[in-house]
Amino acid sequence: MAGFQQAAFPLIKLASLAVKQISKPLAKRIQMMAKTRPFMRKYICIPPAQLHHWMEVNLRMKILGLGKASSVQPLTEEAAVELGADIIGETFLFVVAVGTIAFEYYRLQRKDQKHEGEQTAAISTLQQRVEELGITVEEQDARIRELHRQVVGLSPAKK
């Protein structure tokens, strides 16, 4: 079983690396779909891009000490689609990375719990064995006292 666990470790690392490598072209594909499909352009790309632009302009104004912007000029449709597609692609990559990290954390937690359970079982077995040996020592001590009494009873009385 230990050989399987050692072999599984590199396989999991390779699978994790494969997921990361596959996710990059997949993110590009999602970005292309977001740019070319009207529904995705209108409802998925543009709103987050405009929100991002609005927040960025207001933050820059505050950082520069100019106060809050009275009105923020919206991005052009093409710029919003481009920014929105980039946001979607980066979000996808982030979700994949977080998922990979969460999976690895979960896997390590399970491994640690299994190891802890094995150690607890080993300690319990050792404690049980110590108790059994303690009982055996007490029985042998009683037997030695009994034999000692018999030897003393058999030995001739000293004068």
C-alpha atoms as a PDB file:
ATOM      1  CA  MET A   1       0.000   0.000   0.000  1.00  0.00           C
ATOM      2  CA  ALA A   2       2.875   2.382   0.744  1.00  0.00           C
ATOM      3  CA  GLY A   3       4.187   1.933  -2.815  1.00  0.00           C
ATOM      4  CA  PHE A   4       0.803   2.961  -4.199  1.00  0.00           C
ATOM      5  CA  GLN A   5       0.739   6.105  -2.054  1.00  0.00           C
ATOM      6  CA  GLN A   6       4.212   7.085  -3.230  1.00  0.00           C
ATOM      7  CA  ALA A   7       3.202   6.481  -6.857  1.00  0.00           C
ATOM      8  CA  ALA A   8      -0.055   8.403  -6.379  1.00  0.00           C
ATOM      9  CA  PHE A   9       1.740  11.527  -5.197  1.00  0.00           C
ATOM     10  CA  PRO A  10       3.485  12.277  -8.519  1.00  0.00           C
ATOM     11  CA  LEU A  11       0.322  11.345 -10.422  1.00  0.00           C
ATOM     12  CA  ILE A  12      -1.697  13.879  -8.449  1.00  0.00           C
ATOM     13  CA  LYS A  13       0.964  16.534  -9.009  1.00  0.00           C
ATOM     14  CA  LEU A  14       1.008  15.734 -12.735  1.00  0.00           C
ATOM     15  CA  ALA A  15      -2.788  15.869 -12.878  1.00  0.00           C
ATOM     16  CA  SER A  16      -2.729  19.235 -11.118  1.00  0.00           C
ATOM     17  CA  LEU A  17      -0.171  20.536 -13.595  1.00  0.00           C
ATOM     18  CA  ALA A  18      -2.241  19.186 -16.501  1.00  0.00           C
ATOM     19  CA  VAL A  19      -5.357  20.970 -15.213  1.00  0.00           C
ATOM     20  CA  LYS A  20      -3.417  24.228 -14.998  1.00  0.00           C
ATOM     21  CA  GLN A  21      -2.014  23.793 -18.508  1.00  0.00           C
ATOM     22  CA  ILE A  22      -5.392  22.878 -20.003  1.00  0.00           C
ATOM     23  CA  SER A  23      -7.138  25.761 -18.256  1.00  0.00           C
ATOM     24  CA  LYS A  24      -5.105  28.413 -20.100  1.00  0.00           C
ATOM     25  CA  PRO A  25      -6.260  27.484 -23.637  1.00  0.00           C
ATOM     26  CA  LEU A  26      -9.742  26.896 -22.252  1.00  0.00           C
ATOM     27  CA  ALA A  27      -9.742  30.417 -20.800  1.00  0.00           C
ATOM     28  CA  LYS A  28      -8.705  31.780 -24.207  1.00  0.00           C
ATOM     29  CA  ARG A  29     -11.566  29.853 -25.806  1.00  0.00           C
ATOM     30  CA  ILE A  30     -14.027  31.269 -23.279  1.00  0.00           C
ATOM     31  CA  GLN A  31     -12.704  34.764 -24.007  1.00  0.00           C
ATOM     32  CA  MET A  32     -13.223  34.251 -27.743  1.00  0.00           C
ATOM     33  CA  MET A  33     -16.774  32.989 -27.146  1.00  0.00           C
ATOM     34  CA  ALA A  34     -17.481  35.981 -24.927  1.00  0.00           C
ATOM     35  CA  LYS A  35     -16.311  38.347 -27.652  1.00  0.00           C
ATOM     36  CA  THR A  36     -18.181  36.720 -30.532  1.00  0.00           C
ATOM     37  CA  ARG A  37     -21.541  35.664 -29.088  1.00  0.00           C
ATOM     38  CA  PRO A  38     -24.069  38.503 -28.777  1.00  0.00           C
ATOM     39  CA  PHE A  39     -25.676  37.203 -25.578  1.00  0.00           C
ATOM     40  CA  MET A  40     -22.320  36.851 -23.824  1.00  0.00           C
ATOM     41  CA  ARG A  41     -21.194  40.259 -25.095  1.00  0.00           C
ATOM     42  CA  LYS A  42     -24.314  42.034 -23.861  1.00  0.00           C
ATOM     43  CA  TYR A  43     -25.027  40.274 -20.565  1.00  0.00           C
ATOM     44  CA  ILE A  44     -21.749  38.712 -19.444  1.00  0.00           C
ATOM     45  CA  CYS A  45     -18.886  40.865 -20.797  1.00  0.00           C
ATOM     46  CA  ILE A  46     -20.099  44.451 -20.822  1.00  0.00           C
ATOM     47  CA  PRO A  47     -21.699  44.807 -17.332  1.00  0.00           C
ATOM     48  CA  PRO A  48     -18.641  43.623 -15.331  1.00  0.00           C
ATOM     49  CA  ALA A  49     -16.341  45.660 -17.579  1.00  0.00           C
ATOM     50  CA  GLN A  50     -18.349  48.860 -17.077  1.00  0.00           C
ATOM     51  CA  LEU A  51     -18.478  48.225 -13.316  1.00  0.00           C
ATOM     52  CA  HIS A  52     -14.715  47.628 -13.256  1.00  0.00           C
ATOM     53  CA  HIS A  53     -14.145  50.842 -15.242  1.00  0.00           C
ATOM     54  CA  TRP A  54     -16.436  52.866 -12.930  1.00  0.00           C
ATOM     55  CA  MET A  55     -14.687  51.521  -9.798  1.00  0.00           C
ATOM     56  CA  GLU A  56     -11.238  52.109 -11.288  1.00  0.00           C
ATOM     57  CA  VAL A  57     -12.010  55.740 -12.227  1.00  0.00           C
ATOM     58  CA  ASN A  58     -13.460  56.504  -8.789  1.00  0.00           C
ATOM     59  CA  LEU A  59     -10.533  54.852  -7.019  1.00  0.00           C
ATOM     60  CA  ARG A  60      -8.009  56.802  -9.074  1.00  0.00           C
ATOM     61  CA  MET A  61      -9.836  60.045  -8.332  1.00  0.00           C
ATOM     62  CA  LYS A  62      -9.730  59.315  -4.591  1.00  0.00           C
ATOM     63  CA  ILE A  63      -6.063  58.324  -4.703  1.00  0.00           C
ATOM     64  CA  LEU A  64      -5.189  61.537  -6.522  1.00  0.00           C
ATOM     65  CA  GLY A  65      -7.195  63.506  -3.955  1.00  0.00           C
ATOM     66  CA  LEU A  66      -9.674  64.822  -6.511  1.00  0.00           C
ATOM     67  CA  GLY A  67     -12.749  63.487  -4.706  1.00  0.00           C
ATOM     68  CA  LYS A  68     -15.480  61.366  -6.222  1.00  0.00           C
ATOM     69  CA  ALA A  69     -16.135  61.607  -9.951  1.00  0.00           C
ATOM     70  CA  SER A  70     -19.512  63.219 -10.658  1.00  0.00           C
ATOM     71  CA  SER A  71     -20.044  61.028 -13.700  1.00  0.00           C
ATOM     72  CA  VAL A  72     -17.910  58.374 -15.315  1.00  0.00           C
ATOM     73  CA  GLN A  73     -17.863  58.165 -19.085  1.00  0.00           C
ATOM     74  CA  PRO A  74     -18.699  54.527 -19.990  1.00  0.00           C
ATOM     75  CA  LEU A  75     -16.290  52.494 -22.072  1.00  0.00           C
ATOM     76  CA  THR A  76     -17.003  51.984 -25.749  1.00  0.00           C
ATOM     77  CA  GLU A  77     -18.708  48.704 -26.549  1.00  0.00           C
ATOM     78  CA  GLU A  78     -15.546  47.200 -28.060  1.00  0.00           C
ATOM     79  CA  ALA A  79     -13.370  48.283 -25.122  1.00  0.00           C
ATOM     80  CA  ALA A  80     -15.975  46.960 -22.670  1.00  0.00           C
ATOM     81  CA  VAL A  81     -16.181  43.631 -24.508  1.00  0.00           C
ATOM     82  CA  GLU A  82     -12.383  43.327 -24.547  1.00  0.00           C
ATOM     83  CA  LEU A  83     -12.077  44.171 -20.841  1.00  0.00           C
ATOM     84  CA  GLY A  84     -15.036  41.948 -19.954  1.00  0.00           C
ATOM     85  CA  ALA A  85     -13.557  39.006 -21.854  1.00  0.00           C
ATOM     86  CA  ASP A  86     -10.247  39.533 -20.054  1.00  0.00           C
ATOM     87  CA  ILE A  87     -12.061  39.627 -16.711  1.00  0.00           C
ATOM     88  CA  ILE A  88     -13.915  36.408 -17.553  1.00  0.00           C
ATOM     89  CA  GLY A  89     -10.701  34.664 -18.640  1.00  0.00           C
ATOM     90  CA  GLU A  90      -8.795  35.749 -15.541  1.00  0.00           C
ATOM     91  CA  THR A  91     -11.716  34.787 -13.309  1.00  0.00           C
ATOM     92  CA  PHE A  92     -11.814  31.335 -14.899  1.00  0.00           C
ATOM     93  CA  LEU A  93      -8.078  30.855 -14.323  1.00  0.00           C
ATOM     94  CA  PHE A  94      -8.442  32.081 -10.738  1.00  0.00           C
ATOM     95  CA  VAL A  95     -11.305  29.651 -10.067  1.00  0.00           C
ATOM     96  CA  VAL A  96      -9.262  26.771 -11.514  1.00  0.00           C
ATOM     97  CA  ALA A  97      -6.268  27.722  -9.351  1.00  0.00           C
ATOM     98  CA  VAL A  98      -8.404  28.011  -6.214  1.00  0.00           C
ATOM     99  CA  GLY A  99     -10.077  24.696  -7.022  1.00  0.00           C
ATOM    100  CA  THR A 100      -6.717  23.008  -7.454  1.00  0.00           C
ATOM    101  CA  ILE A 101      -5.453  24.424  -4.170  1.00  0.00           C
ATOM    102  CA  ALA A 102      -8.671  23.436  -2.376  1.00  0.00           C
ATOM    103  CA  PHE A 103      -8.427  19.899  -3.755  1.00  0.00           C
ATOM    104  CA  GLU A 104      -4.803  19.616  -2.651  1.00  0.00           C
ATOM    105  CA  TYR A 105      -5.695  20.949   0.819  1.00  0.00           C
ATOM    106  CA  TYR A 106      -8.592  18.476   1.123  1.00  0.00           C
ATOM    107  CA  ARG A 107      -6.358  15.618  -0.003  1.00  0.00           C
ATOM    108  CA  LEU A 108      -3.659  16.516   2.539  1.00  0.00           C
ATOM    109  CA  GLN A 109      -6.258  16.846   5.300  1.00  0.00           C
ATOM    110  CA  ARG A 110      -7.564  13.352   4.548  1.00  0.00           C
ATOM    111  CA  LYS A 111      -4.007  11.991   4.498  1.00  0.00           C
ATOM    112  CA  ASP A 112      -3.246  13.643   7.856  1.00  0.00           C
ATOM    113  CA  GLN A 113      -6.474  12.334   9.379  1.00  0.00           C
ATOM    114  CA  LYS A 114      -5.681   8.818   8.178  1.00  0.00           C
ATOM    115  CA  HIS A 115      -2.152   9.061   9.593  1.00  0.00           C
ATOM    116  CA  GLU A 116      -3.492  10.397  12.893  1.00  0.00           C
ATOM    117  CA  GLY A 117      -6.021   7.556  13.056  1.00  0.00           C
ATOM    118  CA  GLU A 118      -3.288   4.996  12.447  1.00  0.00           C
ATOM    119  CA  GLN A 119      -1.145   6.522  15.196  1.00  0.00           C
ATOM    120  CA  THR A 120      -4.081   6.608  17.604  1.00  0.00           C
ATOM    121  CA  ALA A 121      -4.758   2.929  16.890  1.00  0.00           C
ATOM    122  CA  ALA A 122      -1.073   2.077  17.418  1.00  0.00           C
ATOM    123  CA  ILE A 123      -0.997   3.977  20.724  1.00  0.00           C
ATOM    124  CA  SER A 124      -4.186   2.249  21.839  1.00  0.00           C
ATOM    125  CA  THR A 125      -2.695  -1.146  20.967  1.00  0.00           C
ATOM    126  CA  LEU A 126       0.486  -0.324  22.890  1.00  0.00           C
ATOM    127  CA  GLN A 127      -1.504   0.856  25.920  1.00  0.00           C
ATOM    128  CA  GLN A 128      -3.541  -2.344  25.861  1.00  0.00           C
ATOM    129  CA  ARG A 129      -0.345  -4.398  25.622  1.00  0.00           C
ATOM    130  CA  VAL A 130       1.187  -2.499  28.577  1.00  0.00           C
ATOM    131  CA  GLU A 131      -1.936  -3.222  30.645  1.00  0.00           C
ATOM    132  CA  GLU A 132      -1.759  -6.912  29.692  1.00  0.00           C
ATOM    133  CA  LEU A 133       1.925  -7.014  30.645  1.00  0.00           C
ATOM    134  CA  GLY A 134       1.108  -5.298  33.956  1.00  0.00           C
ATOM    135  CA  ILE A 135      -1.468  -7.990  34.711  1.00  0.00           C
ATOM    136  CA  THR A 136       1.049 -10.687  33.719  1.00  0.00           C
ATOM    137  CA  VAL A 137       3.664  -9.156  36.053  1.00  0.00           C
ATOM    138  CA  GLU A 138       1.150  -9.096  38.917  1.00  0.00           C
ATOM    139  CA  GLU A 139       0.220 -12.738  38.249  1.00  0.00           C
ATOM    140  CA  GLN A 140       3.893 -13.737  38.131  1.00  0.00           C
ATOM    141  CA  ASP A 141       4.586 -11.774  41.324  1.00  0.00           C
ATOM    142  CA  ALA A 142       1.760 -13.605  43.072  1.00  0.00           C
ATOM    143  CA  ARG A 143       3.066 -16.911  41.734  1.00  0.00           C
ATOM    144  CA  ILE A 144       6.619 -16.087  42.952  1.00  0.00           C
ATOM    145  CA  ARG A 145       5.283 -15.261  46.440  1.00  0.00           C
ATOM    146  CA  GLU A 146       3.357 -18.533  46.462  1.00  0.00           C
ATOM    147  CA  LEU A 147       6.447 -20.483  45.373  1.00  0.00           C
ATOM    148  CA  HIS A 148       8.535 -18.631  47.961  1.00  0.00           C
ATOM    149  CA  ARG A 149       6.045 -19.619  50.669  1.00  0.00           C
ATOM    150  CA  GLN A 150       6.180 -23.235  49.514  1.00  0.00           C
ATOM    151  CA  VAL A 151       9.992 -23.206  49.521  1.00  0.00           C
ATOM    152  CA  VAL A 152      10.053 -21.697  53.003  1.00  0.00           C
ATOM    153  CA  GLY A 153       7.529 -24.317  54.148  1.00  0.00           C
ATOM    154  CA  LEU A 154       9.660 -27.165  52.763  1.00  0.00           C
ATOM    155  CA  SER A 155      12.990 -26.006  54.103  1.00  0.00           C
ATOM    156  CA  PRO A 156      14.047 -27.531  57.439  1.00  0.00           C
ATOM    157  CA  ALA A 157      13.679 -25.300  60.433  1.00  0.00           C
ATOM    158  CA  LYS A 158      16.928 -23.764  61.608  1.00  0.00           C
ATOM    159  CA  LYS A 159      18.056 -24.364  65.111  1.00  0.00           C
END
